[in-house]
C-alpha atoms as a PDB file:
ATOM      1  CA  MET A   1     103.370  -8.308  46.348  1.00  0.00           C
ATOM      2  CA  HIS A   2     105.709  -8.481  43.412  1.00  0.00           C
ATOM      3  CA  PHE A   3     105.906 -11.330  40.936  1.00  0.00           C
ATOM      4  CA  ALA A   4     108.841 -12.529  38.868  1.00  0.00           C
ATOM      5  CA  ALA A   5     108.631 -14.891  35.902  1.00  0.00           C
ATOM      6  CA  SER A   6     111.941 -16.572  36.771  1.00  0.00           C
ATOM      7  CA  ALA A   7     114.642 -16.736  39.413  1.00  0.00           C
ATOM      8  CA  GLU A   8     116.780 -14.459  37.257  1.00  0.00           C
ATOM      9  CA  ASP A   9     113.962 -11.894  37.085  1.00  0.00           C
ATOM     10  CA  ALA A  10     113.561 -12.092  40.863  1.00  0.00           C
ATOM     11  CA  LEU A  11     117.245 -11.308  41.389  1.00  0.00           C
ATOM     12  CA  ASP A  12     116.958  -8.371  38.963  1.00  0.00           C
ATOM     13  CA  LEU A  13     114.006  -6.991  40.952  1.00  0.00           C
ATOM     14  CA  LEU A  14     115.950  -7.343  44.192  1.00  0.00           C
ATOM     15  CA  ASP A  15     118.998  -5.629  42.664  1.00  0.00           C
ATOM     16  CA  LYS A  16     116.875  -2.641  41.649  1.00  0.00           C
ATOM     17  CA  GLY A  17     115.283  -2.377  45.090  1.00  0.00           C
ATOM     18  CA  ILE A  18     111.658  -2.887  45.915  1.00  0.00           C
ATOM     19  CA  GLU A  19     109.498  -0.440  47.853  1.00  0.00           C
ATOM     20  CA  PRO A  20     108.211  -1.063  50.384  1.00  0.00           C
ATOM     21  CA  GLU A  21     111.147  -3.187  51.477  1.00  0.00           C
ATOM     22  CA  ILE A  22     110.679  -6.847  50.665  1.00  0.00           C
ATOM     23  CA  MET A  23     110.340  -9.126  53.675  1.00  0.00           C
ATOM     24  CA  LEU A  24     109.860 -12.569  52.134  1.00  0.00           C
ATOM     25  CA  ILE A  25     110.575 -14.469  48.939  1.00  0.00           C
ATOM     26  CA  LEU A  26     108.265 -17.366  48.090  1.00  0.00           C
ATOM     27  CA  SER A  27     109.989 -19.566  45.536  1.00  0.00           C
ATOM     28  CA  ASP A  28     109.189 -22.882  43.957  1.00  0.00           C
ATOM     29  CA  ILE A  29     112.122 -25.280  44.063  1.00  0.00           C
ATOM     30  CA  ASN A  30     111.690 -26.641  40.536  1.00  0.00           C
ATOM     31  CA  MET A  31     111.661 -23.934  37.881  1.00  0.00           C
ATOM     32  CA  PRO A  32     112.973 -23.659  34.339  1.00  0.00           C
ATOM     33  CA  GLY A  33     116.387 -22.033  34.190  1.00  0.00           C
ATOM     34  CA  MET A  34     117.827 -21.282  37.595  1.00  0.00           C
ATOM     35  CA  SER A  35     116.343 -23.537  40.276  1.00  0.00           C
ATOM     36  CA  GLY A  36     114.700 -22.264  43.419  1.00  0.00           C
ATOM     37  CA  ILE A  37     117.599 -23.683  45.452  1.00  0.00           C
ATOM     38  CA  ASP A  38     120.015 -21.596  43.343  1.00  0.00           C
ATOM     39  CA  LEU A  39     117.815 -18.525  43.860  1.00  0.00           C
ATOM     40  CA  LEU A  40     117.786 -19.255  47.585  1.00  0.00           C
ATOM     41  CA  ARG A  41     121.571 -19.500  47.795  1.00  0.00           C
ATOM     42  CA  ARG A  42     122.225 -16.409  45.662  1.00  0.00           C
ATOM     43  CA  SER A  43     119.688 -14.288  47.508  1.00  0.00           C
ATOM     44  CA  LYS A  44     121.039 -15.369  50.923  1.00  0.00           C
ATOM     45  CA  GLU A  45     124.608 -14.530  49.806  1.00  0.00           C
ATOM     46  CA  ARG A  46     123.569 -11.010  48.831  1.00  0.00           C
ATOM     47  CA  TRP A  47     120.773 -10.339  51.317  1.00  0.00           C
ATOM     48  CA  PRO A  48     121.427 -12.640  54.300  1.00  0.00           C
ATOM     49  CA  ASN A  49     118.586 -11.222  56.402  1.00  0.00           C
ATOM     50  CA  LEU A  50     115.953 -11.735  53.710  1.00  0.00           C
ATOM     51  CA  SER A  51     113.575 -14.581  54.510  1.00  0.00           C
ATOM     52  CA  VAL A  52     113.055 -17.178  51.788  1.00  0.00           C
ATOM     53  CA  ALA A  53     110.306 -19.808  51.910  1.00  0.00           C
ATOM     54  CA  MET A  54     110.624 -22.707  49.494  1.00  0.00           C
ATOM     55  CA  ILE A  55     107.588 -24.315  47.858  1.00  0.00           C
ATOM     56  CA  THR A  56     107.557 -27.793  46.339  1.00  0.00           C
ATOM     57  CA  ALA A  57     105.354 -30.678  45.372  1.00  0.00           C
ATOM     58  CA  TYR A  58     108.165 -33.025  46.374  1.00  0.00           C
ATOM     59  CA  GLY A  59     108.522 -32.897  50.144  1.00  0.00           C
ATOM     60  CA  ASP A  60     111.258 -35.518  50.391  1.00  0.00           C
ATOM     61  CA  GLU A  61     114.046 -35.354  52.978  1.00  0.00           C
ATOM     62  CA  ASP A  62     116.789 -34.502  50.447  1.00  0.00           C
ATOM     63  CA  THR A  63     114.815 -31.542  49.107  1.00  0.00           C
ATOM     64  CA  LEU A  64     114.018 -30.319  52.621  1.00  0.00           C
ATOM     65  CA  SER A  65     117.665 -30.716  53.647  1.00  0.00           C
ATOM     66  CA  ASN A  66     118.929 -28.790  50.589  1.00  0.00           C
ATOM     67  CA  ALA A  67     116.481 -25.965  51.241  1.00  0.00           C
ATOM     68  CA  MET A  68     117.284 -25.699  54.932  1.00  0.00           C
ATOM     69  CA  ASP A  69     121.056 -25.993  54.343  1.00  0.00           C
ATOM     70  CA  GLY A  70     120.721 -23.148  51.829  1.00  0.00           C
ATOM     71  CA  GLY A  71     119.157 -20.904  54.446  1.00  0.00           C
ATOM     72  CA  ALA A  72     115.433 -21.340  53.806  1.00  0.00           C
ATOM     73  CA  SER A  73     113.242 -19.812  56.495  1.00  0.00           C
ATOM     74  CA  ALA A  74     110.355 -22.157  55.788  1.00  0.00           C
ATOM     75  CA  PHE A  75     109.320 -25.032  53.588  1.00  0.00           C
ATOM     76  CA  LEU A  76     105.808 -25.269  52.124  1.00  0.00           C
ATOM     77  CA  ASN A  77     104.337 -28.246  50.284  1.00  0.00           C
ATOM     78  CA  LYS A  78     101.962 -28.039  47.326  1.00  0.00           C
ATOM     79  CA  PRO A  79      99.113 -27.642  47.302  1.00  0.00           C
ATOM     80  CA  ILE A  80      99.729 -24.673  49.568  1.00  0.00           C
ATOM     81  CA  ASP A  81      97.511 -24.410  52.622  1.00  0.00           C
ATOM     82  CA  PHE A  82      96.794 -20.688  52.512  1.00  0.00           C
ATOM     83  CA  SER A  83      96.009 -20.504  56.224  1.00  0.00           C
ATOM     84  CA  ASP A  84      99.560 -21.816  56.859  1.00  0.00           C
ATOM     85  CA  LEU A  85     100.966 -19.253  54.417  1.00  0.00           C
ATOM     86  CA  LYS A  86      99.002 -16.471  56.095  1.00  0.00           C
ATOM     87  CA  GLN A  87     100.357 -17.565  59.492  1.00  0.00           C
ATOM     88  CA  LEU A  88     103.918 -17.723  58.137  1.00  0.00           C
ATOM     89  CA  ILE A  89     103.648 -14.153  56.853  1.00  0.00           C
ATOM     90  CA  ALA A  90     102.117 -12.939  60.134  1.00  0.00           C
ATOM     91  CA  ASP A  91     104.905 -14.625  62.124  1.00  0.00           C
ATOM     92  CA  MET A  92     107.602 -13.060  59.944  1.00  0.00           C
ATOM     93  CA  ARG A  93     105.981  -9.644  60.237  1.00  0.00           C
ATOM     94  CA  ALA A  94     105.832  -9.963  64.012  1.00  0.00           C
ATOM     95  CA  ALA A  95     109.488 -11.028  64.157  1.00  0.00           C
ATOM     96  CA  ARG A  96     110.521  -7.963  62.140  1.00  0.00           C
ATOM     97  CA  SER A  97     108.477  -5.649  64.358  1.00  0.00           C
ATOM     98  CA  GLY A  98     109.734  -6.792  67.663  1.00  0.00           C
END
């Protein structure tokens, strides 16, 4: 796992390359500076095959629609159910393997 303090820092990490290869970004939607939706869109423009899961405390239809329209692979509500997160990661790993 790698952590970034902001969306801008996350994009910098991705630009530099991360080993082992990154398979999933978990991003909150509401962040100071660049929003998670902006991070989603920029990362999908540059790395279209990279999975991005959006996390929010506000699971309204507009937020869900914006995330999915931006290319989000998944949408998680706060508080995060870690068994759901674990399953999401396992599913993505399996999809990459086969």
